N, C-alpha and C. Protein backbone atom coordinates (compact mmCIF):
# COMPACT_ATOMS: atom_id res chain seq x y z
N MET A 1 -28.42 195.23 31.45
CA MET A 1 -27.16 195.53 32.15
C MET A 1 -26.25 194.33 32.00
N LEU A 2 -25.08 194.52 31.57
CA LEU A 2 -24.17 193.39 31.42
C LEU A 2 -23.64 193.01 32.85
N HIS A 3 -23.45 191.71 33.09
CA HIS A 3 -23.02 191.29 34.48
C HIS A 3 -21.85 190.35 34.31
N ASP A 4 -20.91 190.56 35.10
CA ASP A 4 -19.71 189.65 35.13
C ASP A 4 -19.94 188.56 36.18
N ASP A 5 -20.28 187.34 35.69
CA ASP A 5 -20.72 186.34 36.59
C ASP A 5 -19.47 185.84 37.36
N LYS A 6 -18.25 185.91 36.71
CA LYS A 6 -16.99 185.43 37.38
C LYS A 6 -16.70 186.23 38.69
N HIS A 7 -16.70 187.58 38.64
CA HIS A 7 -16.39 188.41 39.74
C HIS A 7 -17.50 188.89 40.56
N GLY A 8 -18.81 188.72 40.11
CA GLY A 8 -19.90 189.08 41.00
C GLY A 8 -20.28 190.57 40.92
N PHE A 9 -19.99 191.42 39.88
CA PHE A 9 -20.38 192.73 39.75
C PHE A 9 -20.55 193.13 38.31
N THR A 10 -21.39 194.11 38.02
CA THR A 10 -21.72 194.51 36.69
C THR A 10 -20.44 195.33 36.13
N ARG A 11 -20.47 195.48 34.83
CA ARG A 11 -19.43 196.29 34.22
C ARG A 11 -19.65 197.72 34.59
N ARG A 12 -20.79 198.18 34.79
CA ARG A 12 -21.00 199.51 35.17
C ARG A 12 -20.43 199.81 36.66
N GLU A 13 -20.57 198.85 37.51
CA GLU A 13 -20.08 198.87 38.80
C GLU A 13 -18.45 198.89 38.76
N PHE A 14 -18.01 198.04 37.91
CA PHE A 14 -16.51 197.98 37.73
C PHE A 14 -15.93 199.30 37.29
N VAL A 15 -16.62 199.96 36.26
CA VAL A 15 -16.13 201.23 35.82
C VAL A 15 -16.21 202.35 36.98
N GLY A 16 -17.28 202.29 37.77
CA GLY A 16 -17.41 203.24 38.91
C GLY A 16 -16.34 203.08 39.88
N VAL A 17 -15.99 201.91 40.18
CA VAL A 17 -14.96 201.56 41.17
C VAL A 17 -13.59 202.12 40.65
N THR A 18 -13.36 201.86 39.35
CA THR A 18 -12.12 202.24 38.69
C THR A 18 -11.94 203.78 38.74
N VAL A 19 -13.09 204.49 38.50
CA VAL A 19 -13.01 205.91 38.50
C VAL A 19 -12.75 206.49 39.80
N VAL A 20 -13.40 206.02 40.83
CA VAL A 20 -13.21 206.40 42.29
C VAL A 20 -11.80 206.25 42.62
N THR A 21 -11.32 204.97 42.28
CA THR A 21 -9.89 204.69 42.74
C THR A 21 -8.85 205.56 42.07
N SER A 22 -9.11 205.86 40.76
CA SER A 22 -8.24 206.70 40.04
C SER A 22 -8.28 208.16 40.63
N GLY A 23 -9.47 208.52 41.03
CA GLY A 23 -9.52 209.86 41.61
C GLY A 23 -8.90 209.98 42.87
N ALA A 24 -8.98 208.95 43.74
CA ALA A 24 -8.27 208.99 45.00
C ALA A 24 -6.77 209.11 44.87
N ILE A 25 -6.22 208.33 43.85
CA ILE A 25 -4.80 208.44 43.61
C ILE A 25 -4.46 209.82 43.07
N ALA A 26 -5.30 210.44 42.23
CA ALA A 26 -5.00 211.71 41.68
C ALA A 26 -4.98 212.82 42.69
N ILE A 27 -5.82 212.76 43.71
CA ILE A 27 -5.88 213.85 44.78
C ILE A 27 -4.92 213.48 45.91
N GLY A 28 -4.25 212.44 45.80
CA GLY A 28 -3.06 212.29 46.76
C GLY A 28 -3.52 211.58 48.00
N LEU A 29 -4.64 210.73 48.04
CA LEU A 29 -4.89 210.04 49.22
C LEU A 29 -3.82 209.01 49.38
N PRO A 30 -3.38 208.81 50.65
CA PRO A 30 -2.31 207.77 50.89
C PRO A 30 -2.76 206.39 50.56
N SER A 31 -1.78 205.70 49.88
CA SER A 31 -2.10 204.27 49.60
C SER A 31 -1.91 203.39 50.88
N LEU A 32 -2.47 202.21 50.78
CA LEU A 32 -2.26 201.27 51.91
C LEU A 32 -0.78 201.12 52.23
N GLU A 33 0.06 201.02 51.26
CA GLU A 33 1.42 200.94 51.42
C GLU A 33 2.01 202.05 52.15
N ALA A 34 1.63 203.31 51.76
CA ALA A 34 2.09 204.54 52.39
C ALA A 34 1.64 204.55 53.76
N GLN A 35 0.42 204.25 54.04
CA GLN A 35 -0.14 204.17 55.48
C GLN A 35 0.63 203.25 56.32
N THR A 36 0.91 202.01 55.81
CA THR A 36 1.64 201.01 56.54
C THR A 36 3.09 201.50 56.79
N GLY A 37 3.69 202.28 55.86
CA GLY A 37 5.01 202.70 56.03
C GLY A 37 5.06 203.86 57.16
N ALA A 38 4.00 204.68 57.16
CA ALA A 38 3.97 205.66 58.17
C ALA A 38 3.77 205.11 59.58
N ALA A 39 2.93 204.00 59.72
CA ALA A 39 2.77 203.37 61.00
C ALA A 39 4.06 202.71 61.41
N GLU A 40 4.83 202.15 60.49
CA GLU A 40 6.01 201.50 60.86
C GLU A 40 7.09 202.49 61.31
N ARG A 41 7.08 203.72 60.73
CA ARG A 41 7.95 204.76 61.13
C ARG A 41 7.65 205.20 62.58
N LEU A 42 6.32 205.26 62.87
CA LEU A 42 6.01 205.59 64.18
C LEU A 42 6.32 204.65 65.16
N ARG A 43 6.40 203.40 64.83
CA ARG A 43 6.77 202.29 65.77
C ARG A 43 8.30 202.37 66.04
N GLU A 44 9.00 202.60 64.90
CA GLU A 44 10.45 202.80 65.01
C GLU A 44 10.88 203.98 65.90
N ALA A 45 10.07 205.10 65.75
CA ALA A 45 10.36 206.22 66.51
C ALA A 45 10.24 205.96 67.95
N GLY A 46 9.11 205.19 68.36
CA GLY A 46 8.88 204.84 69.74
C GLY A 46 10.06 204.00 70.32
N GLN A 47 10.42 203.00 69.43
CA GLN A 47 11.48 202.05 69.97
C GLN A 47 12.87 202.82 70.06
N ASN A 48 13.07 203.84 69.29
CA ASN A 48 14.37 204.41 69.32
C ASN A 48 14.32 205.73 70.08
N ALA A 49 13.26 206.01 70.85
CA ALA A 49 13.17 207.23 71.58
C ALA A 49 14.29 207.48 72.55
N VAL A 50 14.59 208.72 72.71
CA VAL A 50 15.76 209.20 73.63
C VAL A 50 15.10 210.08 74.72
N GLN A 51 15.59 209.80 75.97
CA GLN A 51 15.05 210.62 77.06
C GLN A 51 15.94 211.84 77.19
N CYS A 52 15.24 212.93 77.49
CA CYS A 52 16.04 214.15 77.62
C CYS A 52 15.16 215.16 78.46
N SER A 53 15.78 216.05 79.06
CA SER A 53 15.00 217.02 79.94
C SER A 53 15.42 218.39 79.47
N LEU A 54 14.53 219.34 79.40
CA LEU A 54 14.69 220.71 78.96
C LEU A 54 13.88 221.61 79.89
N THR A 55 14.45 222.78 80.23
CA THR A 55 13.69 223.83 80.91
C THR A 55 13.37 224.76 79.85
N ILE A 56 12.04 224.93 79.51
CA ILE A 56 11.56 225.74 78.42
C ILE A 56 10.67 226.86 79.05
N ASN A 57 11.09 228.12 78.87
CA ASN A 57 10.29 229.30 79.45
C ASN A 57 10.00 229.05 80.94
N ARG A 58 11.07 228.62 81.62
CA ARG A 58 11.07 228.46 83.13
C ARG A 58 10.31 227.19 83.59
N GLN A 59 9.81 226.34 82.62
CA GLN A 59 9.10 225.16 83.00
C GLN A 59 9.88 223.96 82.58
N TRP A 60 10.06 222.95 83.56
CA TRP A 60 10.85 221.81 83.30
C TRP A 60 10.00 220.79 82.58
N HIS A 61 10.65 220.16 81.52
CA HIS A 61 10.00 219.05 80.80
C HIS A 61 10.91 217.86 80.63
N HIS A 62 10.35 216.80 81.10
CA HIS A 62 11.12 215.48 80.81
C HIS A 62 10.39 214.82 79.57
N LEU A 63 11.22 214.58 78.54
CA LEU A 63 10.62 214.10 77.21
C LEU A 63 11.20 212.81 76.82
N SER A 64 10.41 212.09 75.98
CA SER A 64 10.93 210.91 75.28
C SER A 64 10.64 211.16 73.76
N LEU A 65 11.72 211.40 73.12
CA LEU A 65 11.64 211.99 71.70
C LEU A 65 12.41 211.05 70.74
N ASP A 66 11.85 211.11 69.47
CA ASP A 66 12.53 210.58 68.33
C ASP A 66 13.81 211.46 68.24
N PRO A 67 14.99 210.90 68.13
CA PRO A 67 16.11 211.64 68.06
C PRO A 67 16.17 212.60 66.77
N ARG A 68 15.27 212.38 65.89
CA ARG A 68 15.32 213.23 64.66
C ARG A 68 14.46 214.49 64.87
N VAL A 69 13.81 214.67 65.91
CA VAL A 69 12.88 215.84 66.12
C VAL A 69 13.67 217.06 66.33
N THR A 70 13.38 218.18 65.62
CA THR A 70 14.18 219.33 65.69
C THR A 70 13.57 220.13 66.98
N LEU A 71 14.30 221.09 67.43
CA LEU A 71 13.94 221.87 68.57
C LEU A 71 12.75 222.64 68.13
N LEU A 72 12.61 223.12 66.96
CA LEU A 72 11.44 223.83 66.38
C LEU A 72 10.27 223.02 66.45
N ASP A 73 10.38 221.78 66.03
CA ASP A 73 9.14 220.97 65.96
C ASP A 73 8.68 220.48 67.37
N LEU A 74 9.72 220.34 68.26
CA LEU A 74 9.33 220.04 69.62
C LEU A 74 8.55 221.17 70.21
N LEU A 75 8.94 222.41 69.97
CA LEU A 75 8.22 223.56 70.56
C LEU A 75 6.88 223.70 69.92
N ARG A 76 6.75 223.60 68.65
CA ARG A 76 5.53 223.84 67.97
C ARG A 76 4.47 222.65 67.96
N GLU A 77 5.02 221.53 67.61
CA GLU A 77 4.15 220.35 67.37
C GLU A 77 3.96 219.52 68.73
N HIS A 78 4.92 219.46 69.51
CA HIS A 78 4.76 218.67 70.73
C HIS A 78 4.19 219.46 71.95
N LEU A 79 4.81 220.69 72.09
CA LEU A 79 4.39 221.53 73.24
C LEU A 79 3.44 222.67 72.92
N GLN A 80 3.11 222.83 71.70
CA GLN A 80 2.14 223.94 71.31
C GLN A 80 2.67 225.27 71.58
N LEU A 81 3.87 225.48 71.54
CA LEU A 81 4.47 226.83 71.74
C LEU A 81 4.61 227.47 70.39
N THR A 82 3.61 227.90 69.82
CA THR A 82 3.49 228.30 68.39
C THR A 82 4.01 229.71 68.06
N GLY A 83 4.42 230.44 69.16
CA GLY A 83 4.96 231.69 68.91
C GLY A 83 6.11 231.71 68.08
N THR A 84 7.04 230.67 68.20
CA THR A 84 8.22 230.53 67.40
C THR A 84 7.66 229.99 66.06
N LYS A 85 8.13 230.66 64.94
CA LYS A 85 7.58 230.47 63.60
C LYS A 85 8.58 229.51 62.72
N LYS A 86 7.95 228.72 61.86
CA LYS A 86 8.68 227.90 60.95
C LYS A 86 8.69 228.69 59.66
N GLY A 87 9.97 229.12 59.20
CA GLY A 87 10.00 229.81 57.94
C GLY A 87 10.60 229.03 56.86
N CYS A 88 11.87 229.14 56.57
CA CYS A 88 12.52 228.52 55.42
C CYS A 88 12.91 227.08 55.73
N GLY A 89 13.22 226.76 57.06
CA GLY A 89 13.57 225.39 57.31
C GLY A 89 15.04 225.09 56.97
N HIS A 90 15.77 226.12 56.61
CA HIS A 90 17.18 225.94 56.25
C HIS A 90 18.15 226.85 57.07
N GLY A 91 17.60 227.52 58.00
CA GLY A 91 18.46 228.37 58.82
C GLY A 91 18.83 229.61 58.22
N GLN A 92 18.03 230.10 57.24
CA GLN A 92 18.42 231.28 56.48
C GLN A 92 17.50 232.50 56.79
N CYS A 93 16.39 232.35 57.30
CA CYS A 93 15.52 233.49 57.50
C CYS A 93 15.40 234.05 58.92
N GLY A 94 15.70 233.12 59.93
CA GLY A 94 15.78 233.61 61.33
C GLY A 94 14.39 233.58 61.95
N ALA A 95 13.32 233.18 61.22
CA ALA A 95 12.02 233.21 61.94
C ALA A 95 11.90 232.30 63.22
N CYS A 96 12.72 231.28 63.21
CA CYS A 96 12.61 230.29 64.22
C CYS A 96 13.65 230.47 65.38
N THR A 97 14.18 231.74 65.43
CA THR A 97 15.25 232.00 66.40
C THR A 97 14.66 231.90 67.88
N VAL A 98 15.36 231.12 68.67
CA VAL A 98 15.11 231.07 70.12
C VAL A 98 16.37 231.21 70.89
N LEU A 99 16.32 231.30 72.18
CA LEU A 99 17.45 231.41 73.07
C LEU A 99 17.79 230.14 73.81
N VAL A 100 18.99 229.61 73.67
CA VAL A 100 19.29 228.40 74.33
C VAL A 100 20.52 228.73 75.27
N ASN A 101 20.30 228.68 76.55
CA ASN A 101 21.28 229.14 77.51
C ASN A 101 21.75 230.58 77.23
N GLY A 102 20.77 231.40 76.86
CA GLY A 102 21.09 232.83 76.52
C GLY A 102 21.64 233.10 75.22
N ARG A 103 21.94 232.07 74.39
CA ARG A 103 22.56 232.21 73.11
C ARG A 103 21.53 232.03 72.05
N ARG A 104 21.45 232.83 71.00
CA ARG A 104 20.40 232.71 69.97
C ARG A 104 20.87 231.64 68.96
N ILE A 105 19.90 230.79 68.58
CA ILE A 105 20.04 229.79 67.61
C ILE A 105 18.95 229.73 66.66
N ASN A 106 19.14 228.99 65.54
CA ASN A 106 18.03 228.70 64.58
C ASN A 106 17.45 227.29 64.96
N SER A 107 16.29 227.32 65.66
CA SER A 107 15.85 226.00 66.14
C SER A 107 15.39 225.05 65.07
N CYS A 108 15.28 225.48 63.86
CA CYS A 108 14.95 224.52 62.70
C CYS A 108 16.09 223.64 62.45
N LEU A 109 17.36 223.98 62.80
CA LEU A 109 18.57 223.27 62.40
C LEU A 109 19.04 222.54 63.60
N SER A 110 18.47 222.50 64.67
CA SER A 110 19.03 222.05 65.87
C SER A 110 18.14 220.82 66.44
N LEU A 111 18.69 219.72 66.67
CA LEU A 111 17.95 218.53 67.17
C LEU A 111 17.65 218.79 68.63
N ALA A 112 16.40 218.50 69.07
CA ALA A 112 15.99 218.75 70.46
C ALA A 112 16.84 218.01 71.44
N VAL A 113 17.12 216.78 71.12
CA VAL A 113 17.83 215.96 72.13
C VAL A 113 19.26 216.39 72.34
N SER A 114 19.81 217.19 71.46
CA SER A 114 21.16 217.73 71.65
C SER A 114 21.30 218.76 72.64
N HIS A 115 20.12 219.27 73.20
CA HIS A 115 20.05 220.35 74.15
C HIS A 115 19.62 219.79 75.65
N ASP A 116 19.83 218.50 75.81
CA ASP A 116 19.45 217.94 77.09
C ASP A 116 20.10 218.79 78.24
N GLY A 117 19.22 219.09 79.20
CA GLY A 117 19.68 219.88 80.40
C GLY A 117 19.71 221.42 80.14
N ALA A 118 19.38 221.88 78.95
CA ALA A 118 19.53 223.27 78.61
C ALA A 118 18.33 224.10 79.02
N GLN A 119 18.62 225.45 79.15
CA GLN A 119 17.44 226.45 79.39
C GLN A 119 17.09 227.04 78.01
N VAL A 120 15.86 226.87 77.68
CA VAL A 120 15.36 227.36 76.40
C VAL A 120 14.30 228.47 76.67
N THR A 121 14.45 229.65 75.97
CA THR A 121 13.53 230.69 76.08
C THR A 121 13.07 231.03 74.62
N THR A 122 11.72 231.08 74.51
CA THR A 122 11.09 231.48 73.31
C THR A 122 10.43 232.77 73.48
N ILE A 123 9.83 233.26 72.30
CA ILE A 123 9.05 234.53 72.42
C ILE A 123 7.94 234.43 73.38
N ASP A 124 7.34 233.21 73.66
CA ASP A 124 6.26 233.00 74.54
C ASP A 124 6.78 233.21 76.07
N GLY A 125 8.08 233.12 76.26
CA GLY A 125 8.49 233.25 77.66
C GLY A 125 9.24 234.47 77.99
N LEU A 126 9.35 235.45 77.07
CA LEU A 126 10.08 236.65 77.39
C LEU A 126 9.40 237.57 78.39
N ALA A 127 8.11 237.79 78.26
CA ALA A 127 7.33 238.66 79.14
C ALA A 127 7.28 238.16 80.60
N ALA A 128 7.22 238.97 81.51
CA ALA A 128 7.01 238.65 82.96
C ALA A 128 5.55 238.93 83.27
N GLY A 129 4.69 237.96 83.10
CA GLY A 129 3.34 238.18 83.35
C GLY A 129 2.83 239.12 82.28
N ASP A 130 2.19 240.25 82.84
CA ASP A 130 1.64 241.18 81.81
C ASP A 130 2.72 242.29 81.44
N ALA A 131 3.84 242.17 82.03
CA ALA A 131 4.90 243.15 81.71
C ALA A 131 5.79 242.73 80.61
N LEU A 132 5.74 243.40 79.50
CA LEU A 132 6.50 243.04 78.30
C LEU A 132 8.01 243.23 78.62
N HIS A 133 8.75 242.32 77.88
CA HIS A 133 10.18 242.58 77.83
C HIS A 133 10.53 243.90 77.20
N PRO A 134 11.52 244.60 77.59
CA PRO A 134 11.90 245.91 77.00
C PRO A 134 12.11 245.85 75.46
N VAL A 135 12.53 244.75 74.90
CA VAL A 135 12.69 244.67 73.43
C VAL A 135 11.23 244.59 72.86
N GLN A 136 10.41 243.83 73.50
CA GLN A 136 9.03 243.68 72.94
C GLN A 136 8.33 245.06 73.03
N ALA A 137 8.48 245.80 74.08
CA ALA A 137 7.88 247.14 74.23
C ALA A 137 8.42 248.09 73.12
N ALA A 138 9.78 248.04 72.90
CA ALA A 138 10.38 248.90 71.91
C ALA A 138 9.86 248.51 70.50
N PHE A 139 9.63 247.28 70.21
CA PHE A 139 9.10 246.90 68.91
C PHE A 139 7.71 247.55 68.70
N LEU A 140 6.92 247.52 69.71
CA LEU A 140 5.56 248.18 69.70
C LEU A 140 5.70 249.63 69.50
N ASP A 141 6.58 250.25 70.31
CA ASP A 141 6.74 251.67 70.23
C ASP A 141 7.14 252.11 68.78
N HIS A 142 7.98 251.42 68.09
CA HIS A 142 8.50 251.80 66.85
C HIS A 142 7.84 251.09 65.59
N ASP A 143 6.78 250.37 65.88
CA ASP A 143 6.14 249.57 64.72
C ASP A 143 7.15 248.76 63.96
N GLY A 144 7.90 247.96 64.80
CA GLY A 144 8.96 247.19 64.20
C GLY A 144 8.47 245.95 63.57
N PHE A 145 7.38 246.01 63.00
CA PHE A 145 6.76 244.86 62.34
C PHE A 145 5.58 245.26 61.41
N GLN A 146 5.37 244.30 60.38
CA GLN A 146 4.15 244.59 59.53
C GLN A 146 3.22 243.37 59.64
N CYS A 147 3.64 242.32 58.85
CA CYS A 147 2.75 241.10 58.92
C CYS A 147 3.02 240.37 60.33
N GLY A 148 4.24 240.61 60.83
CA GLY A 148 4.44 239.95 62.20
C GLY A 148 5.05 238.63 62.19
N TYR A 149 5.21 237.95 61.05
CA TYR A 149 5.62 236.53 61.08
C TYR A 149 7.00 236.44 61.56
N CYS A 150 7.90 237.33 61.03
CA CYS A 150 9.30 237.23 61.47
C CYS A 150 9.56 237.83 62.86
N THR A 151 8.48 238.54 63.41
CA THR A 151 8.82 239.31 64.62
C THR A 151 9.25 238.43 65.81
N PRO A 152 8.73 237.19 66.17
CA PRO A 152 9.23 236.50 67.24
C PRO A 152 10.71 236.19 67.20
N GLY A 153 11.16 235.89 65.89
CA GLY A 153 12.62 235.61 65.79
C GLY A 153 13.40 236.92 65.89
N GLN A 154 12.88 238.00 65.30
CA GLN A 154 13.60 239.27 65.35
C GLN A 154 13.79 239.64 66.77
N ILE A 155 12.72 239.56 67.66
CA ILE A 155 12.81 239.98 69.06
C ILE A 155 13.80 239.06 69.90
N CYS A 156 13.68 237.76 69.64
CA CYS A 156 14.59 236.93 70.40
C CYS A 156 16.05 237.17 69.97
N SER A 157 16.28 237.43 68.69
CA SER A 157 17.60 237.78 68.27
C SER A 157 18.05 239.06 68.84
N ALA A 158 17.20 240.06 68.99
CA ALA A 158 17.58 241.37 69.55
C ALA A 158 17.88 241.25 71.04
N VAL A 159 17.19 240.38 71.75
CA VAL A 159 17.41 240.13 73.19
C VAL A 159 18.86 239.62 73.34
N ALA A 160 19.20 238.65 72.55
CA ALA A 160 20.60 238.10 72.60
C ALA A 160 21.60 239.08 72.14
N LEU A 161 21.27 239.91 71.16
CA LEU A 161 22.17 241.05 70.70
C LEU A 161 22.58 241.86 71.82
N LEU A 162 21.69 242.36 72.56
CA LEU A 162 21.92 243.31 73.73
C LEU A 162 22.86 242.68 74.77
N ASP A 163 22.67 241.39 74.95
CA ASP A 163 23.63 240.65 75.99
C ASP A 163 25.01 240.52 75.26
N GLU A 164 25.09 240.38 74.00
CA GLU A 164 26.40 240.18 73.35
C GLU A 164 27.11 241.51 73.43
N VAL A 165 26.38 242.63 73.14
CA VAL A 165 26.95 243.97 73.19
C VAL A 165 27.51 244.27 74.50
N HIS A 166 26.77 244.09 75.53
CA HIS A 166 27.16 244.43 76.92
C HIS A 166 28.28 243.49 77.32
N ALA A 167 28.38 242.23 76.71
CA ALA A 167 29.54 241.38 77.10
C ALA A 167 30.78 241.70 76.32
N GLY A 168 30.62 242.74 75.39
CA GLY A 168 31.85 243.18 74.67
C GLY A 168 32.20 242.33 73.46
N GLN A 169 31.19 241.49 72.95
CA GLN A 169 31.50 240.62 71.84
C GLN A 169 31.50 241.49 70.60
N ALA A 170 32.52 241.42 69.80
CA ALA A 170 32.64 242.12 68.59
C ALA A 170 31.94 241.46 67.42
N SER A 171 31.59 242.36 66.42
CA SER A 171 31.00 241.81 65.15
C SER A 171 31.94 242.24 64.06
N ALA A 172 31.40 242.01 62.81
CA ALA A 172 32.34 242.21 61.68
C ALA A 172 32.53 243.71 61.36
N VAL A 173 31.68 244.42 61.98
CA VAL A 173 31.83 245.98 61.84
C VAL A 173 32.39 246.69 63.03
N THR A 174 32.69 245.99 64.15
CA THR A 174 33.28 246.64 65.23
C THR A 174 34.59 247.29 64.97
N PRO A 175 34.81 248.52 65.21
CA PRO A 175 36.04 249.21 64.89
C PRO A 175 37.27 248.62 65.69
N ASP A 176 37.03 248.42 67.00
CA ASP A 176 38.15 247.92 67.73
C ASP A 176 37.77 246.59 68.34
N VAL A 177 38.28 245.53 67.76
CA VAL A 177 37.93 244.19 68.27
C VAL A 177 38.80 243.86 69.45
N THR A 178 39.74 244.70 69.91
CA THR A 178 40.57 244.38 71.11
C THR A 178 39.77 244.92 72.34
N ASN A 179 38.78 245.73 72.13
CA ASN A 179 38.08 246.29 73.30
C ASN A 179 37.40 245.21 74.05
N THR A 180 37.55 245.19 75.28
CA THR A 180 36.85 244.07 76.07
C THR A 180 35.64 244.57 76.82
N GLY A 181 35.29 245.85 76.71
CA GLY A 181 34.17 246.51 77.30
C GLY A 181 32.95 246.53 76.47
N PRO A 182 31.77 246.98 76.84
CA PRO A 182 30.62 247.03 76.04
C PRO A 182 30.89 247.70 74.72
N VAL A 183 30.28 247.20 73.74
CA VAL A 183 30.41 247.74 72.32
C VAL A 183 29.47 248.90 72.06
N ASP A 184 29.96 249.99 71.43
CA ASP A 184 29.11 251.12 71.09
C ASP A 184 28.12 250.67 70.04
N LEU A 185 26.83 250.59 70.37
CA LEU A 185 25.84 249.99 69.42
C LEU A 185 25.29 251.12 68.41
N THR A 186 26.10 251.18 67.32
CA THR A 186 25.68 252.16 66.31
C THR A 186 24.67 251.40 65.35
N ASP A 187 24.03 252.17 64.50
CA ASP A 187 23.10 251.58 63.55
C ASP A 187 23.74 250.45 62.68
N ALA A 188 25.04 250.76 62.31
CA ALA A 188 25.73 249.73 61.59
C ALA A 188 25.95 248.47 62.31
N GLU A 189 26.24 248.54 63.69
CA GLU A 189 26.33 247.33 64.48
C GLU A 189 24.98 246.60 64.54
N ILE A 190 23.90 247.29 64.70
CA ILE A 190 22.56 246.75 64.76
C ILE A 190 22.28 246.00 63.49
N ARG A 191 22.41 246.70 62.41
CA ARG A 191 22.23 245.97 61.06
C ARG A 191 23.09 244.71 60.87
N GLU A 192 24.36 244.86 61.26
CA GLU A 192 25.22 243.65 61.00
C GLU A 192 24.71 242.56 61.91
N ARG A 193 24.43 242.86 63.20
CA ARG A 193 24.04 241.77 64.18
C ARG A 193 22.73 241.17 63.99
N MET A 194 21.85 241.90 63.27
CA MET A 194 20.49 241.42 63.06
C MET A 194 20.33 240.94 61.60
N SER A 195 21.50 240.87 60.86
CA SER A 195 21.40 240.44 59.41
C SER A 195 20.96 238.99 59.21
N GLY A 196 20.95 238.16 60.25
CA GLY A 196 20.50 236.76 60.15
C GLY A 196 18.95 236.65 60.20
N ASN A 197 18.35 237.76 60.42
CA ASN A 197 16.85 237.79 60.58
C ASN A 197 16.23 238.53 59.42
N ILE A 198 15.57 237.87 58.55
CA ILE A 198 14.97 238.50 57.33
C ILE A 198 13.55 239.03 57.64
N CYS A 199 13.21 240.22 57.14
CA CYS A 199 11.82 240.75 57.30
C CYS A 199 11.41 240.92 55.79
N ARG A 200 10.50 240.08 55.31
CA ARG A 200 10.12 240.22 53.90
C ARG A 200 9.23 241.51 53.68
N CYS A 201 8.76 242.03 54.68
CA CYS A 201 7.94 243.23 54.68
C CYS A 201 8.78 244.50 54.51
N GLY A 202 10.05 244.45 54.92
CA GLY A 202 10.97 245.46 54.82
C GLY A 202 10.86 246.52 55.99
N ALA A 203 10.60 246.07 57.17
CA ALA A 203 10.47 246.99 58.34
C ALA A 203 11.85 247.26 58.99
N TYR A 204 12.92 247.18 58.23
CA TYR A 204 14.19 247.17 58.88
C TYR A 204 14.53 248.58 59.56
N PRO A 205 14.14 249.67 58.99
CA PRO A 205 14.47 250.95 59.70
C PRO A 205 13.77 251.02 61.09
N ASN A 206 12.48 250.52 61.14
CA ASN A 206 11.86 250.50 62.51
C ASN A 206 12.47 249.43 63.44
N ILE A 207 12.92 248.34 62.88
CA ILE A 207 13.56 247.35 63.71
C ILE A 207 14.89 247.95 64.32
N VAL A 208 15.68 248.58 63.55
CA VAL A 208 16.84 249.24 64.01
C VAL A 208 16.55 250.19 65.15
N ALA A 209 15.55 251.04 64.90
CA ALA A 209 15.19 252.04 65.88
C ALA A 209 14.70 251.26 67.15
N ALA A 210 13.97 250.28 67.03
CA ALA A 210 13.53 249.49 68.23
C ALA A 210 14.65 248.96 69.04
N VAL A 211 15.61 248.42 68.39
CA VAL A 211 16.74 247.85 69.06
C VAL A 211 17.59 248.94 69.77
N ARG A 212 17.66 250.12 69.01
CA ARG A 212 18.45 251.20 69.65
C ARG A 212 17.73 251.76 70.85
N THR A 213 16.44 251.78 70.86
CA THR A 213 15.69 252.23 72.05
C THR A 213 15.86 251.27 73.16
N ALA A 214 15.67 250.00 72.88
CA ALA A 214 15.83 249.00 73.95
C ALA A 214 17.25 249.04 74.53
N TYR A 215 18.26 249.26 73.72
CA TYR A 215 19.58 249.39 74.24
C TYR A 215 19.73 250.58 75.11
N GLY A 216 19.13 251.68 74.75
CA GLY A 216 19.08 252.88 75.62
C GLY A 216 18.45 252.75 76.87
N ARG A 217 17.32 252.01 76.93
CA ARG A 217 16.59 251.74 78.15
C ARG A 217 17.42 250.85 79.12
N ARG A 218 18.12 249.85 78.50
CA ARG A 218 18.90 248.96 79.33
C ARG A 218 20.13 249.64 79.91
N SER A 219 20.69 250.59 79.17
CA SER A 219 21.94 251.21 79.59
C SER A 219 21.61 252.42 80.47
N ALA A 220 20.40 252.82 80.54
CA ALA A 220 19.99 253.96 81.41
C ALA A 220 20.08 253.63 82.88
């Protein structure tokens, strides 16, 4: 066996170390430089943390956050409220829809610290104990879901939709935008108002039926 006296290891050992190192790089193990960079970013985040308070699903939270943390990541990664889903990350699919002060937003596009003092409601906080929210019950009654991934966002959006309709807020298909009373919630209105929530399974007819039923129960 050949031995490298200068460096203290055999050529076979040198080849073995080279192969292992190359394999680690190939499978994407973080380099020492990458690990150091990640640790530095964590330190920076701690130094630049912003204090904020949010009431989430009726529970008050005082938080110290990196100002770059989105509301979605706060919910899922920091508070383990994983009912809200991460879909496209670009505000295009609606899977991450939550209610902030009663208004529906895409939580993937919103910084958590920008909602200091706000009331946030997610799919996890709609039910009252064992009693489902009427929109949740209507989705069950009409099978308004298939894989279910988009369903939390669909339901939160539908809850806000009903409030908007009762408040007389017009949509692009409302015939009389001067009307200040509740809007007549036709199927066209439902489709237009839910158009920001994508269902890749195509359960749209059942979703429309569920929203219509929830509207009828609320109006009764």
